[in-house]
Amino acid sequence: MPANPAASMIRRLKRRPDFLAAAKGQRFHTDRMTAQARLRTPGEMRDGSPAEGCHLGFTVTKRVGHAPERNRIKRRLRRAVEAAADAGASLQADVVVIARRPALDAPFATLVEDLRRAFGVLAKPPGPKSGGPKSGGPTPPGRSRGRSGDAPSAGLDRTDATAARPPLPETTTPHGSTDG
């Protein structure tokens, strides 16, 4: 029996559809893990009974390391969940924790704090999107509305930039054709 009574309120997430549904929900990222959650609707049923409390699953891919390393990460995360259960026991959600390699050597207290923060963030229902560049709000100075990572357009829109380019010379192939 876990030392923390709240840990008994956190159940295992076992079915693949539940993992996939959580992947479409909210996310919380750290260097050591990503937590994904789908908040359940009140009265939702699972296996013929009401789904209550937090249902938690772990994913540790082969990219993280060999089987003994992956198993150690899962054991560490299970113990960290027991320690952080007070923050997640009342969460009515399906949560999937995807571990990364740094979780293997991270201090245990850091893992517990990451999970507490994840439970706090994932417990909040998603709010309306803010008025940033993607939602049509004002663009901050020095920023373009292009894809993230694009350089600012320096005041030229796409039609001005393409009109300012000189035409490319026409190249011909040895047989006289202009197509490549």
Protein backbone atom coordinates (compact mmCIF):
# COMPACT_ATOMS: atom_id res chain seq x y z
CA MET A 1 0.00 0.00 0.00
CA PRO A 2 1.37 3.45 -0.85
CA ALA A 3 2.49 5.60 2.05
CA ASN A 4 0.41 8.53 0.75
CA PRO A 5 -3.37 7.86 0.90
CA ALA A 6 -3.93 10.26 -2.02
CA ALA A 7 -1.80 7.96 -4.19
CA SER A 8 -4.55 5.34 -4.06
CA MET A 9 -6.85 7.82 -5.84
CA ILE A 10 -4.58 7.75 -8.89
CA ARG A 11 -5.34 4.76 -11.08
CA ARG A 12 -3.52 3.31 -14.06
CA LEU A 13 -4.41 4.28 -17.59
CA LYS A 14 -4.33 1.03 -19.59
CA ARG A 15 -6.22 1.31 -22.87
CA ARG A 16 -4.64 2.67 -26.05
CA PRO A 17 -7.68 4.82 -26.98
CA ASP A 18 -7.33 6.60 -23.62
CA PHE A 19 -3.64 7.31 -24.35
CA LEU A 20 -4.56 8.66 -27.79
CA ALA A 21 -7.35 10.83 -26.36
CA ALA A 22 -4.95 12.32 -23.81
CA ALA A 23 -2.52 13.14 -26.63
CA LYS A 24 -5.15 15.47 -28.11
CA GLY A 25 -5.61 17.35 -24.83
CA GLN A 26 -3.59 19.89 -22.91
CA ARG A 27 0.20 19.61 -22.53
CA PHE A 28 2.86 20.52 -20.02
CA HIS A 29 6.57 20.32 -20.98
CA THR A 30 9.83 20.15 -19.05
CA ASP A 31 13.28 18.89 -20.04
CA ARG A 32 12.53 15.63 -18.25
CA MET A 33 8.99 14.89 -19.41
CA THR A 34 5.87 15.93 -21.26
CA ALA A 35 2.49 15.48 -19.60
CA GLN A 36 -0.66 15.28 -21.72
CA ALA A 37 -4.16 15.29 -20.27
CA ARG A 38 -7.77 15.06 -21.28
CA LEU A 39 -10.19 16.40 -18.70
CA ARG A 40 -13.12 14.03 -18.33
CA THR A 41 -16.74 15.10 -18.39
CA PRO A 42 -18.75 14.59 -15.17
CA GLY A 43 -20.48 11.22 -15.14
CA GLU A 44 -18.19 9.66 -17.74
CA MET A 45 -18.15 5.85 -17.54
CA ARG A 46 -15.20 3.48 -17.85
CA ASP A 47 -15.55 -0.30 -17.80
CA GLY A 48 -19.14 -0.09 -16.56
CA SER A 49 -18.48 2.19 -13.58
CA PRO A 50 -18.00 5.94 -13.18
CA ALA A 51 -14.50 7.10 -14.04
CA GLU A 52 -13.38 8.98 -10.96
CA GLY A 53 -10.05 10.46 -9.95
CA CYS A 54 -6.91 10.70 -11.99
CA HIS A 55 -6.00 7.92 -14.42
CA LEU A 56 -2.28 8.00 -15.22
CA GLY A 57 -0.15 6.24 -17.84
CA PHE A 58 3.54 6.34 -18.72
CA THR A 59 5.29 6.23 -22.06
CA VAL A 60 9.04 5.75 -22.34
CA THR A 61 10.16 5.18 -25.93
CA LYS A 62 13.11 3.09 -27.07
CA ARG A 63 14.87 6.28 -28.08
CA VAL A 64 15.33 7.04 -24.37
CA GLY A 65 17.58 4.02 -23.78
CA HIS A 66 17.77 0.28 -23.29
CA ALA A 67 15.12 -1.65 -21.39
CA PRO A 68 16.80 -1.43 -17.94
CA GLU A 69 17.09 2.36 -18.29
CA ARG A 70 13.48 2.71 -19.44
CA ASN A 71 12.28 0.52 -16.57
CA ARG A 72 14.27 2.57 -14.06
CA ILE A 73 12.71 5.78 -15.39
CA LYS A 74 9.23 4.28 -15.03
CA ARG A 75 9.96 3.15 -11.46
CA ARG A 76 11.27 6.62 -10.56
CA LEU A 77 8.19 8.26 -12.09
CA ARG A 78 5.82 5.92 -10.24
CA ARG A 79 7.46 6.87 -6.93
CA ALA A 80 7.39 10.56 -7.90
CA VAL A 81 3.66 10.25 -8.62
CA GLU A 82 3.14 8.79 -5.15
CA ALA A 83 5.00 11.76 -3.67
CA ALA A 84 3.06 14.29 -5.78
CA ALA A 85 -0.31 12.54 -5.45
CA ASP A 86 -1.75 15.25 -3.21
CA ALA A 87 -1.67 17.59 -6.23
CA GLY A 88 -3.19 15.10 -8.69
CA ALA A 89 -5.63 12.96 -6.71
CA SER A 90 -8.60 15.29 -7.24
CA LEU A 91 -7.83 15.79 -10.94
CA GLN A 92 -10.65 14.31 -13.05
CA ALA A 93 -8.53 13.53 -16.09
CA ASP A 94 -6.63 10.95 -18.08
CA VAL A 95 -2.94 11.90 -17.89
CA VAL A 96 -0.06 10.46 -19.93
CA VAL A 97 3.52 11.21 -18.89
CA ILE A 98 6.06 10.85 -21.69
CA ALA A 99 9.52 10.56 -20.16
CA ARG A 100 12.73 11.86 -21.68
CA ARG A 101 16.30 10.72 -21.07
CA PRO A 102 17.13 13.41 -18.43
CA ALA A 103 14.50 11.81 -16.14
CA LEU A 104 16.98 8.98 -15.57
CA ASP A 105 19.53 11.15 -13.73
CA ALA A 106 17.39 14.07 -12.54
CA PRO A 107 17.15 14.64 -8.78
CA PHE A 108 14.06 12.93 -7.38
CA ALA A 109 12.78 16.20 -5.89
CA THR A 110 12.88 17.75 -9.37
CA LEU A 111 10.72 14.96 -10.78
CA VAL A 112 8.20 15.39 -7.96
CA GLU A 113 8.08 19.17 -8.51
CA ASP A 114 7.64 18.68 -12.29
CA LEU A 115 4.67 16.38 -11.67
CA ARG A 116 3.10 18.77 -9.15
CA ARG A 117 3.40 21.62 -11.64
CA ALA A 118 2.01 19.41 -14.43
CA PHE A 119 -1.02 18.41 -12.32
CA GLY A 120 -1.64 22.09 -11.51
CA VAL A 121 -1.47 23.19 -15.14
CA LEU A 122 -3.46 20.26 -16.50
CA ALA A 123 -6.25 20.71 -13.92
CA LYS A 124 -7.26 24.03 -15.46
CA PRO A 125 -9.75 23.86 -18.32
CA PRO A 126 -8.42 25.32 -21.55
CA GLY A 127 -9.32 28.98 -21.86
CA PRO A 128 -9.96 31.09 -24.94
CA LYS A 129 -6.98 31.80 -27.10
CA SER A 130 -5.25 35.11 -26.43
CA GLY A 131 -5.14 37.92 -28.99
CA GLY A 132 -1.71 37.04 -30.38
CA PRO A 133 -0.61 37.07 -34.02
CA LYS A 134 -2.27 33.72 -34.83
CA SER A 135 -5.71 34.85 -33.70
CA GLY A 136 -5.72 38.08 -35.68
CA GLY A 137 -4.75 40.43 -32.84
CA PRO A 138 -2.16 43.16 -33.15
CA THR A 139 1.32 42.11 -34.23
CA PRO A 140 4.12 43.10 -31.84
CA PRO A 141 6.62 45.61 -33.28
CA GLY A 142 9.43 44.02 -35.25
CA ARG A 143 7.49 40.80 -35.83
CA SER A 144 5.93 39.51 -39.02
CA ARG A 145 2.71 37.56 -39.31
CA GLY A 146 4.52 34.77 -41.18
CA ARG A 147 5.36 31.36 -39.82
CA SER A 148 7.24 31.29 -36.55
CA GLY A 149 10.94 31.38 -37.23
CA ASP A 150 10.56 33.57 -40.32
CA ALA A 151 12.53 36.78 -40.33
CA PRO A 152 10.54 40.02 -40.23
CA SER A 153 9.62 41.17 -43.72
CA ALA A 154 11.25 44.62 -43.44
CA GLY A 155 8.11 46.39 -44.59
CA LEU A 156 7.68 44.55 -47.91
CA ASP A 157 4.70 42.35 -48.48
CA ARG A 158 5.01 39.26 -50.68
CA THR A 159 3.92 40.99 -53.91
CA ASP A 160 6.47 43.79 -53.47
CA ALA A 161 9.27 41.34 -52.68
CA THR A 162 8.62 39.20 -55.77
CA ALA A 163 8.20 42.23 -58.02
CA ALA A 164 11.59 43.61 -56.95
CA ARG A 165 13.46 40.48 -58.11
CA PRO A 166 15.03 40.51 -61.57
CA PRO A 167 13.76 37.84 -63.95
CA LEU A 168 15.79 34.64 -64.10
CA PRO A 169 17.69 34.02 -67.33
CA GLU A 170 16.18 31.34 -69.53
CA THR A 171 18.36 28.27 -69.74
CA THR A 172 18.37 25.84 -72.60
CA THR A 173 19.34 22.20 -72.76
CA PRO A 174 21.80 20.87 -75.37
CA HIS A 175 18.93 19.83 -77.67
CA GLY A 176 17.37 23.31 -77.57
CA SER A 177 14.46 22.62 -75.20
CA THR A 178 13.72 25.09 -72.40
CA ASP A 179 12.29 22.53 -69.97
CA GLY A 180 14.53 20.72 -67.50
